[in-house]
Full PDB file with SEQRES, HELIX, SHEET, SSBOND, CRYST1, ORIGX, SCALE, CONECT and MASTER records, all heavy atoms in Angstrom:
SEQRES   1 A   34  ALA ARG LYS MET LEU PRO ALA ASP VAL MET LEU ASN PHE          
SEQRES   2 A   34  HIS THR HIS GLU THR ALA GLY ILE GLY GLY LEU CYS TYR          
SEQRES   3 A   34  LYS SER ALA ILE GLU ALA GLY ALA                              
HELIX    1 AA1 GLY A   22  ALA A   32  1                                  11    
CRYST1    1.000    1.000    1.000  90.00  90.00  90.00 P 1           1          
ORIGX1      1.000000  0.000000  0.000000        0.00000                         
ORIGX2      0.000000  1.000000  0.000000        0.00000                         
ORIGX3      0.000000  0.000000  1.000000        0.00000                         
SCALE1      1.000000  0.000000  0.000000        0.00000                         
SCALE2      0.000000  1.000000  0.000000        0.00000                         
SCALE3      0.000000  0.000000  1.000000        0.00000                         
ATOM      1  N   ALA A   1      -1.316 -13.192 -12.507  1.00  0.00           N  
ATOM      2  CA  ALA A   1      -1.581 -12.149 -13.504  1.00  0.00           C  
ATOM      3  C   ALA A   1      -1.019 -12.523 -14.865  1.00  0.00           C  
ATOM      4  O   ALA A   1      -1.652 -12.283 -15.904  1.00  0.00           O  
ATOM      5  CB  ALA A   1      -0.988 -10.823 -13.028  1.00  0.00           C  
ATOM      6  N   ARG A   2       0.179 -13.117 -14.866  1.00  0.00           N  
ATOM      7  CA  ARG A   2       0.801 -13.491 -16.132  1.00  0.00           C  
ATOM      8  C   ARG A   2      -0.060 -14.494 -16.892  1.00  0.00           C  
ATOM      9  O   ARG A   2      -0.162 -14.447 -18.135  1.00  0.00           O  
ATOM     10  CB  ARG A   2       2.193 -14.072 -15.862  1.00  0.00           C  
ATOM     11  CG  ARG A   2       3.035 -14.413 -17.074  1.00  0.00           C  
ATOM     12  CD  ARG A   2       3.526 -13.175 -17.820  1.00  0.00           C  
ATOM     13  NE  ARG A   2       2.537 -12.607 -18.732  1.00  0.00           N  
ATOM     14  CZ  ARG A   2       2.687 -11.439 -19.331  1.00  0.00           C  
ATOM     15  NH1 ARG A   2       3.746 -10.694 -19.101  1.00  0.00           N  
ATOM     16  NH2 ARG A   2       1.752 -10.996 -20.144  1.00  0.00           N  
ATOM     17  N   LYS A   3      -0.705 -15.392 -16.175  1.00  0.00           N  
ATOM     18  CA  LYS A   3      -1.573 -16.383 -16.807  1.00  0.00           C  
ATOM     19  C   LYS A   3      -2.837 -15.747 -17.374  1.00  0.00           C  
ATOM     20  O   LYS A   3      -3.408 -16.244 -18.347  1.00  0.00           O  
ATOM     21  CB  LYS A   3      -1.949 -17.472 -15.803  1.00  0.00           C  
ATOM     22  CG  LYS A   3      -0.799 -18.390 -15.415  1.00  0.00           C  
ATOM     23  CD  LYS A   3      -1.260 -19.450 -14.420  1.00  0.00           C  
ATOM     24  CE  LYS A   3      -0.122 -20.396 -14.056  1.00  0.00           C  
ATOM     25  NZ  LYS A   3      -0.551 -21.420 -13.056  1.00  0.00           N  
ATOM     26  N   MET A   4      -3.267 -14.643 -16.769  1.00  0.00           N  
ATOM     27  CA  MET A   4      -4.512 -13.990 -17.182  1.00  0.00           C  
ATOM     28  C   MET A   4      -4.332 -13.080 -18.389  1.00  0.00           C  
ATOM     29  O   MET A   4      -5.286 -12.824 -19.121  1.00  0.00           O  
ATOM     30  CB  MET A   4      -5.084 -13.166 -16.024  1.00  0.00           C  
ATOM     31  CG  MET A   4      -5.516 -13.979 -14.820  1.00  0.00           C  
ATOM     32  SD  MET A   4      -5.937 -12.917 -13.415  1.00  0.00           S  
ATOM     33  CE  MET A   4      -7.388 -12.064 -14.034  1.00  0.00           C  
ATOM     34  N   LEU A   5      -3.121 -12.581 -18.595  1.00  0.00           N  
ATOM     35  CA  LEU A   5      -2.884 -11.562 -19.610  1.00  0.00           C  
ATOM     36  C   LEU A   5      -2.303 -12.159 -20.886  1.00  0.00           C  
ATOM     37  O   LEU A   5      -1.551 -13.142 -20.836  1.00  0.00           O  
ATOM     38  CB  LEU A   5      -1.927 -10.502 -19.069  1.00  0.00           C  
ATOM     39  CG  LEU A   5      -2.443  -9.661 -17.893  1.00  0.00           C  
ATOM     40  CD1 LEU A   5      -1.303  -8.841 -17.293  1.00  0.00           C  
ATOM     41  CD2 LEU A   5      -3.586  -8.748 -18.346  1.00  0.00           C  
ATOM     42  N   PRO A   6      -2.594 -11.565 -22.034  1.00  0.00           N  
ATOM     43  CA  PRO A   6      -1.943 -12.005 -23.278  1.00  0.00           C  
ATOM     44  C   PRO A   6      -0.430 -11.866 -23.166  1.00  0.00           C  
ATOM     45  O   PRO A   6       0.081 -10.981 -22.466  1.00  0.00           O  
ATOM     46  CB  PRO A   6      -2.512 -11.041 -24.324  1.00  0.00           C  
ATOM     47  CG  PRO A   6      -3.809 -10.558 -23.745  1.00  0.00           C  
ATOM     48  CD  PRO A   6      -3.592 -10.507 -22.268  1.00  0.00           C  
ATOM     49  N   ALA A   7       0.295 -12.695 -23.849  1.00  0.00           N  
ATOM     50  CA  ALA A   7       1.752 -12.727 -23.731  1.00  0.00           C  
ATOM     51  C   ALA A   7       2.394 -11.416 -24.160  1.00  0.00           C  
ATOM     52  O   ALA A   7       3.472 -11.058 -23.678  1.00  0.00           O  
ATOM     53  CB  ALA A   7       2.309 -13.886 -24.562  1.00  0.00           C  
ATOM     54  N   ASP A   8       1.732 -10.675 -25.058  1.00  0.00           N  
ATOM     55  CA  ASP A   8       2.335  -9.437 -25.553  1.00  0.00           C  
ATOM     56  C   ASP A   8       2.001  -8.219 -24.695  1.00  0.00           C  
ATOM     57  O   ASP A   8       2.417  -7.099 -25.013  1.00  0.00           O  
ATOM     58  CB  ASP A   8       1.911  -9.180 -26.998  1.00  0.00           C  
ATOM     59  CG  ASP A   8       0.405  -9.011 -27.150  1.00  0.00           C  
ATOM     60  OD1 ASP A   8      -0.333  -9.376 -26.199  1.00  0.00           O  
ATOM     61  OD2 ASP A   8      -0.043  -8.524 -28.203  1.00  0.00           O  
ATOM     62  N   VAL A   9       1.258  -8.386 -23.609  1.00  0.00           N  
ATOM     63  CA  VAL A   9       0.954  -7.279 -22.688  1.00  0.00           C  
ATOM     64  C   VAL A   9       2.041  -7.191 -21.636  1.00  0.00           C  
ATOM     65  O   VAL A   9       2.278  -8.154 -20.894  1.00  0.00           O  
ATOM     66  CB  VAL A   9      -0.423  -7.462 -22.023  1.00  0.00           C  
ATOM     67  CG1 VAL A   9      -0.625  -6.414 -20.921  1.00  0.00           C  
ATOM     68  CG2 VAL A   9      -1.536  -7.360 -23.058  1.00  0.00           C  
ATOM     69  N   MET A  10       2.723  -6.061 -21.587  1.00  0.00           N  
ATOM     70  CA  MET A  10       3.809  -5.892 -20.623  1.00  0.00           C  
ATOM     71  C   MET A  10       3.258  -5.891 -19.192  1.00  0.00           C  
ATOM     72  O   MET A  10       2.299  -5.185 -18.882  1.00  0.00           O  
ATOM     73  CB  MET A  10       4.567  -4.585 -20.873  1.00  0.00           C  
ATOM     74  CG  MET A  10       5.795  -4.414 -19.970  1.00  0.00           C  
ATOM     75  SD  MET A  10       6.713  -2.887 -20.305  1.00  0.00           S  
ATOM     76  CE  MET A  10       5.580  -1.650 -19.688  1.00  0.00           C  
ATOM     77  N   LEU A  11       3.892  -6.686 -18.324  1.00  0.00           N  
ATOM     78  CA  LEU A  11       3.509  -6.773 -16.921  1.00  0.00           C  
ATOM     79  C   LEU A  11       4.615  -6.141 -16.086  1.00  0.00           C  
ATOM     80  O   LEU A  11       5.762  -6.578 -16.112  1.00  0.00           O  
ATOM     81  CB  LEU A  11       3.300  -8.236 -16.530  1.00  0.00           C  
ATOM     82  CG  LEU A  11       2.853  -8.539 -15.102  1.00  0.00           C  
ATOM     83  CD1 LEU A  11       1.590  -7.768 -14.741  1.00  0.00           C  
ATOM     84  CD2 LEU A  11       2.620 -10.041 -14.918  1.00  0.00           C  
ATOM     85  N   ASN A  12       4.260  -5.098 -15.368  1.00  0.00           N  
ATOM     86  CA  ASN A  12       5.209  -4.257 -14.622  1.00  0.00           C  
ATOM     87  C   ASN A  12       4.977  -4.440 -13.123  1.00  0.00           C  
ATOM     88  O   ASN A  12       3.838  -4.604 -12.683  1.00  0.00           O  
ATOM     89  CB  ASN A  12       4.968  -2.793 -15.012  1.00  0.00           C  
ATOM     90  CG  ASN A  12       6.143  -1.867 -14.778  1.00  0.00           C  
ATOM     91  OD1 ASN A  12       6.299  -0.878 -15.483  1.00  0.00           O  
ATOM     92  ND2 ASN A  12       6.975  -2.144 -13.793  1.00  0.00           N  
ATOM     93  N   PHE A  13       6.057  -4.402 -12.340  1.00  0.00           N  
ATOM     94  CA  PHE A  13       5.923  -4.435 -10.882  1.00  0.00           C  
ATOM     95  C   PHE A  13       6.685  -3.260 -10.280  1.00  0.00           C  
ATOM     96  O   PHE A  13       7.784  -2.924 -10.733  1.00  0.00           O  
ATOM     97  CB  PHE A  13       6.448  -5.750 -10.298  1.00  0.00           C  
ATOM     98  CG  PHE A  13       6.392  -5.800  -8.795  1.00  0.00           C  
ATOM     99  CD1 PHE A  13       5.173  -5.785  -8.131  1.00  0.00           C  
ATOM    100  CD2 PHE A  13       7.558  -5.828  -8.028  1.00  0.00           C  
ATOM    101  CE1 PHE A  13       5.117  -5.811  -6.728  1.00  0.00           C  
ATOM    102  CE2 PHE A  13       7.505  -5.852  -6.644  1.00  0.00           C  
ATOM    103  CZ  PHE A  13       6.286  -5.848  -5.995  1.00  0.00           C  
ATOM    104  N   HIS A  14       6.082  -2.638  -9.275  1.00  0.00           N  
ATOM    105  CA  HIS A  14       6.640  -1.453  -8.623  1.00  0.00           C  
ATOM    106  C   HIS A  14       6.637  -1.643  -7.114  1.00  0.00           C  
ATOM    107  O   HIS A  14       5.628  -2.049  -6.540  1.00  0.00           O  
ATOM    108  CB  HIS A  14       5.778  -0.228  -8.986  1.00  0.00           C  
ATOM    109  CG  HIS A  14       6.023   0.993  -8.154  1.00  0.00           C  
ATOM    110  ND1 HIS A  14       6.749   2.076  -8.605  1.00  0.00           N  
ATOM    111  CD2 HIS A  14       5.622   1.334  -6.889  1.00  0.00           C  
ATOM    112  CE1 HIS A  14       6.786   3.011  -7.675  1.00  0.00           C  
ATOM    113  NE2 HIS A  14       6.118   2.582  -6.629  1.00  0.00           N  
ATOM    114  N   THR A  15       7.768  -1.344  -6.470  1.00  0.00           N  
ATOM    115  CA  THR A  15       7.807  -1.365  -5.011  1.00  0.00           C  
ATOM    116  C   THR A  15       8.841  -0.356  -4.517  1.00  0.00           C  
ATOM    117  O   THR A  15       9.450   0.368  -5.304  1.00  0.00           O  
ATOM    118  CB  THR A  15       8.109  -2.785  -4.477  1.00  0.00           C  
ATOM    119  OG1 THR A  15       7.871  -2.808  -3.065  1.00  0.00           O  
ATOM    120  CG2 THR A  15       9.544  -3.200  -4.764  1.00  0.00           C  
ATOM    121  N   HIS A  16       9.004  -0.299  -3.208  1.00  0.00           N  
ATOM    122  CA  HIS A  16       9.973   0.584  -2.561  1.00  0.00           C  
ATOM    123  C   HIS A  16      10.827  -0.248  -1.599  1.00  0.00           C  
ATOM    124  O   HIS A  16      10.447  -1.347  -1.200  1.00  0.00           O  
ATOM    125  CB  HIS A  16       9.267   1.686  -1.759  1.00  0.00           C  
ATOM    126  CG  HIS A  16       8.582   2.718  -2.600  1.00  0.00           C  
ATOM    127  ND1 HIS A  16       8.936   4.046  -2.593  1.00  0.00           N  
ATOM    128  CD2 HIS A  16       7.549   2.624  -3.477  1.00  0.00           C  
ATOM    129  CE1 HIS A  16       8.163   4.722  -3.421  1.00  0.00           C  
ATOM    130  NE2 HIS A  16       7.298   3.881  -3.968  1.00  0.00           N  
ATOM    131  N   GLU A  17      11.958   0.328  -1.195  1.00  0.00           N  
ATOM    132  CA  GLU A  17      12.867  -0.355  -0.269  1.00  0.00           C  
ATOM    133  C   GLU A  17      12.572  -0.028   1.200  1.00  0.00           C  
ATOM    134  O   GLU A  17      13.341  -0.405   2.078  1.00  0.00           O  
ATOM    135  CB  GLU A  17      14.314   0.032  -0.574  1.00  0.00           C  
ATOM    136  CG  GLU A  17      14.895  -0.648  -1.801  1.00  0.00           C  
ATOM    137  CD  GLU A  17      15.203  -2.127  -1.579  1.00  0.00           C  
ATOM    138  OE1 GLU A  17      14.980  -2.635  -0.462  1.00  0.00           O  
ATOM    139  OE2 GLU A  17      15.653  -2.770  -2.534  1.00  0.00           O  
ATOM    140  N   THR A  18      11.461   0.659   1.473  1.00  0.00           N  
ATOM    141  CA  THR A  18      11.197   1.180   2.812  1.00  0.00           C  
ATOM    142  C   THR A  18      11.255   0.111   3.889  1.00  0.00           C  
ATOM    143  O   THR A  18      11.736   0.354   5.005  1.00  0.00           O  
ATOM    144  CB  THR A  18       9.818   1.875   2.843  1.00  0.00           C  
ATOM    145  OG1 THR A  18       9.616   2.595   1.622  1.00  0.00           O  
ATOM    146  CG2 THR A  18       9.731   2.841   4.014  1.00  0.00           C  
ATOM    147  N   ALA A  19      10.769  -1.084   3.595  1.00  0.00           N  
ATOM    148  CA  ALA A  19      10.787  -2.180   4.576  1.00  0.00           C  
ATOM    149  C   ALA A  19      12.007  -3.085   4.402  1.00  0.00           C  
ATOM    150  O   ALA A  19      12.148  -4.081   5.118  1.00  0.00           O  
ATOM    151  CB  ALA A  19       9.505  -3.011   4.454  1.00  0.00           C  
ATOM    152  N   GLY A  20      12.878  -2.757   3.445  1.00  0.00           N  
ATOM    153  CA  GLY A  20      14.124  -3.503   3.276  1.00  0.00           C  
ATOM    154  C   GLY A  20      14.049  -4.728   2.390  1.00  0.00           C  
ATOM    155  O   GLY A  20      14.996  -5.517   2.336  1.00  0.00           O  
ATOM    156  N   ILE A  21      12.934  -4.901   1.671  1.00  0.00           N  
ATOM    157  CA  ILE A  21      12.761  -6.126   0.873  1.00  0.00           C  
ATOM    158  C   ILE A  21      12.495  -5.836  -0.600  1.00  0.00           C  
ATOM    159  O   ILE A  21      12.074  -6.721  -1.349  1.00  0.00           O  
ATOM    160  CB  ILE A  21      11.618  -6.999   1.440  1.00  0.00           C  
ATOM    161  CG1 ILE A  21      10.305  -6.215   1.515  1.00  0.00           C  
ATOM    162  CG2 ILE A  21      12.007  -7.546   2.813  1.00  0.00           C  
ATOM    163  CD1 ILE A  21       9.114  -7.062   1.971  1.00  0.00           C  
ATOM    164  N   GLY A  22      12.747  -4.601  -1.045  1.00  0.00           N  
ATOM    165  CA  GLY A  22      12.418  -4.223  -2.419  1.00  0.00           C  
ATOM    166  C   GLY A  22      13.121  -5.070  -3.456  1.00  0.00           C  
ATOM    167  O   GLY A  22      12.497  -5.577  -4.400  1.00  0.00           O  
ATOM    168  N   GLY A  23      14.450  -5.242  -3.326  1.00  0.00           N  
ATOM    169  CA  GLY A  23      15.197  -6.025  -4.295  1.00  0.00           C  
ATOM    170  C   GLY A  23      14.737  -7.465  -4.350  1.00  0.00           C  
ATOM    171  O   GLY A  23      14.643  -8.065  -5.438  1.00  0.00           O  
ATOM    172  N   LEU A  24      14.431  -8.035  -3.193  1.00  0.00           N  
ATOM    173  CA  LEU A  24      13.955  -9.415  -3.134  1.00  0.00           C  
ATOM    174  C   LEU A  24      12.582  -9.539  -3.804  1.00  0.00           C  
ATOM    175  O   LEU A  24      12.324 -10.504  -4.535  1.00  0.00           O  
ATOM    176  CB  LEU A  24      13.880  -9.866  -1.675  1.00  0.00           C  
ATOM    177  CG  LEU A  24      13.479 -11.315  -1.403  1.00  0.00           C  
ATOM    178  CD1 LEU A  24      14.391 -12.282  -2.147  1.00  0.00           C  
ATOM    179  CD2 LEU A  24      13.513 -11.599   0.098  1.00  0.00           C  
ATOM    180  N   CYS A  25      11.714  -8.556  -3.587  1.00  0.00           N  
ATOM    181  CA  CYS A  25      10.392  -8.584  -4.219  1.00  0.00           C  
ATOM    182  C   CYS A  25      10.508  -8.429  -5.736  1.00  0.00           C  
ATOM    183  O   CYS A  25       9.768  -9.071  -6.497  1.00  0.00           O  
ATOM    184  CB  CYS A  25       9.503  -7.500  -3.628  1.00  0.00           C  
ATOM    185  SG  CYS A  25       8.878  -7.877  -1.974  1.00  0.00           S  
ATOM    186  N   TYR A  26      11.428  -7.565  -6.192  1.00  0.00           N  
ATOM    187  CA  TYR A  26      11.633  -7.425  -7.633  1.00  0.00           C  
ATOM    188  C   TYR A  26      12.085  -8.751  -8.243  1.00  0.00           C  
ATOM    189  O   TYR A  26      11.609  -9.156  -9.305  1.00  0.00           O  
ATOM    190  CB  TYR A  26      12.660  -6.332  -7.920  1.00  0.00           C  
ATOM    191  CG  TYR A  26      12.085  -4.935  -7.958  1.00  0.00           C  
ATOM    192  CD1 TYR A  26      12.747  -3.875  -7.349  1.00  0.00           C  
ATOM    193  CD2 TYR A  26      10.883  -4.671  -8.624  1.00  0.00           C  
ATOM    194  CE1 TYR A  26      12.235  -2.584  -7.394  1.00  0.00           C  
ATOM    195  CE2 TYR A  26      10.360  -3.390  -8.669  1.00  0.00           C  
ATOM    196  CZ  TYR A  26      11.035  -2.342  -8.049  1.00  0.00           C  
ATOM    197  OH  TYR A  26      10.520  -1.081  -8.101  1.00  0.00           O  
ATOM    198  N   LYS A  27      13.008  -9.422  -7.589  1.00  0.00           N  
ATOM    199  CA  LYS A  27      13.488 -10.712  -8.104  1.00  0.00           C  
ATOM    200  C   LYS A  27      12.344 -11.732  -8.132  1.00  0.00           C  
ATOM    201  O   LYS A  27      12.202 -12.504  -9.089  1.00  0.00           O  
ATOM    202  CB  LYS A  27      14.640 -11.224  -7.255  1.00  0.00           C  
ATOM    203  CG  LYS A  27      15.353 -12.457  -7.838  1.00  0.00           C  
ATOM    204  CD  LYS A  27      16.644 -12.738  -7.096  1.00  0.00           C  
ATOM    205  CE  LYS A  27      17.408 -13.906  -7.739  1.00  0.00           C  
ATOM    206  NZ  LYS A  27      16.723 -15.179  -7.556  1.00  0.00           N  
ATOM    207  N   SER A  28      11.503 -11.716  -7.102  1.00  0.00           N  
ATOM    208  CA  SER A  28      10.359 -12.626  -7.070  1.00  0.00           C  
ATOM    209  C   SER A  28       9.395 -12.330  -8.211  1.00  0.00           C  
ATOM    210  O   SER A  28       8.864 -13.254  -8.855  1.00  0.00           O  
ATOM    211  CB  SER A  28       9.625 -12.499  -5.726  1.00  0.00           C  
ATOM    212  OG  SER A  28      10.445 -12.925  -4.654  1.00  0.00           O  
ATOM    213  N   ALA A  29       9.158 -11.040  -8.477  1.00  0.00           N  
ATOM    214  CA  ALA A  29       8.258 -10.659  -9.565  1.00  0.00           C  
ATOM    215  C   ALA A  29       8.808 -11.098 -10.916  1.00  0.00           C  
ATOM    216  O   ALA A  29       8.073 -11.609 -11.774  1.00  0.00           O  
ATOM    217  CB  ALA A  29       8.035  -9.144  -9.546  1.00  0.00           C  
ATOM    218  N   ILE A  30      10.111 -10.909 -11.113  1.00  0.00           N  
ATOM    219  CA  ILE A  30      10.748 -11.306 -12.368  1.00  0.00           C  
ATOM    220  C   ILE A  30      10.642 -12.812 -12.577  1.00  0.00           C  
ATOM    221  O   ILE A  30      10.299 -13.301 -13.653  1.00  0.00           O  
ATOM    222  CB  ILE A  30      12.217 -10.843 -12.382  1.00  0.00           C  
ATOM    223  CG1 ILE A  30      12.290  -9.315 -12.485  1.00  0.00           C  
ATOM    224  CG2 ILE A  30      12.990 -11.494 -13.521  1.00  0.00           C  
ATOM    225  CD1 ILE A  30      13.671  -8.745 -12.231  1.00  0.00           C  
ATOM    226  N   GLU A  31      10.914 -13.563 -11.527  1.00  0.00           N  
ATOM    227  CA  GLU A  31      10.842 -15.026 -11.620  1.00  0.00           C  
ATOM    228  C   GLU A  31       9.421 -15.514 -11.865  1.00  0.00           C  
ATOM    229  O   GLU A  31       9.218 -16.588 -12.433  1.00  0.00           O  
ATOM    230  CB  GLU A  31      11.405 -15.641 -10.342  1.00  0.00           C  
ATOM    231  CG  GLU A  31      12.912 -15.453 -10.201  1.00  0.00           C  
ATOM    232  CD  GLU A  31      13.450 -15.891  -8.854  1.00  0.00           C  
ATOM    233  OE1 GLU A  31      12.643 -16.033  -7.889  1.00  0.00           O  
ATOM    234  OE2 GLU A  31      14.671 -16.085  -8.740  1.00  0.00           O  
ATOM    235  N   ALA A  32       8.428 -14.707 -11.476  1.00  0.00           N  
ATOM    236  CA  ALA A  32       7.030 -15.090 -11.677  1.00  0.00           C  
ATOM    237  C   ALA A  32       6.496 -14.668 -13.035  1.00  0.00           C  
ATOM    238  O   ALA A  32       5.363 -15.027 -13.395  1.00  0.00           O  
ATOM    239  CB  ALA A  32       6.166 -14.482 -10.574  1.00  0.00           C  
ATOM    240  N   GLY A  33       7.291 -13.873 -13.782  1.00  0.00           N  
ATOM    241  CA  GLY A  33       6.862 -13.515 -15.129  1.00  0.00           C  
ATOM    242  C   GLY A  33       6.750 -12.040 -15.427  1.00  0.00           C  
ATOM    243  O   GLY A  33       6.272 -11.664 -16.510  1.00  0.00           O  
ATOM    244  N   ALA A  34       7.179 -11.160 -14.519  1.00  0.00           N  
ATOM    245  CA  ALA A  34       7.136  -9.725 -14.800  1.00  0.00           C  
ATOM    246  C   ALA A  34       8.117  -9.381 -15.921  1.00  0.00           C  
ATOM    247  O   ALA A  34       9.231  -9.910 -15.972  1.00  0.00           O  
ATOM    248  CB  ALA A  34       7.470  -8.922 -13.543  1.00  0.00           C  
TER     249      ALA A  34                                                      
MASTER        0    0    0    1    0    0    0    6  248    1    0    3          
END                                                                             
């Protein structure tokens, strides 16, 4: 998604901790460009 969008378009990621992996997914999203 980051490659598809202009650099000035904010890219947001949303998840929940219900399955116990929310923090890990947030870190993955940040490292990918969120």
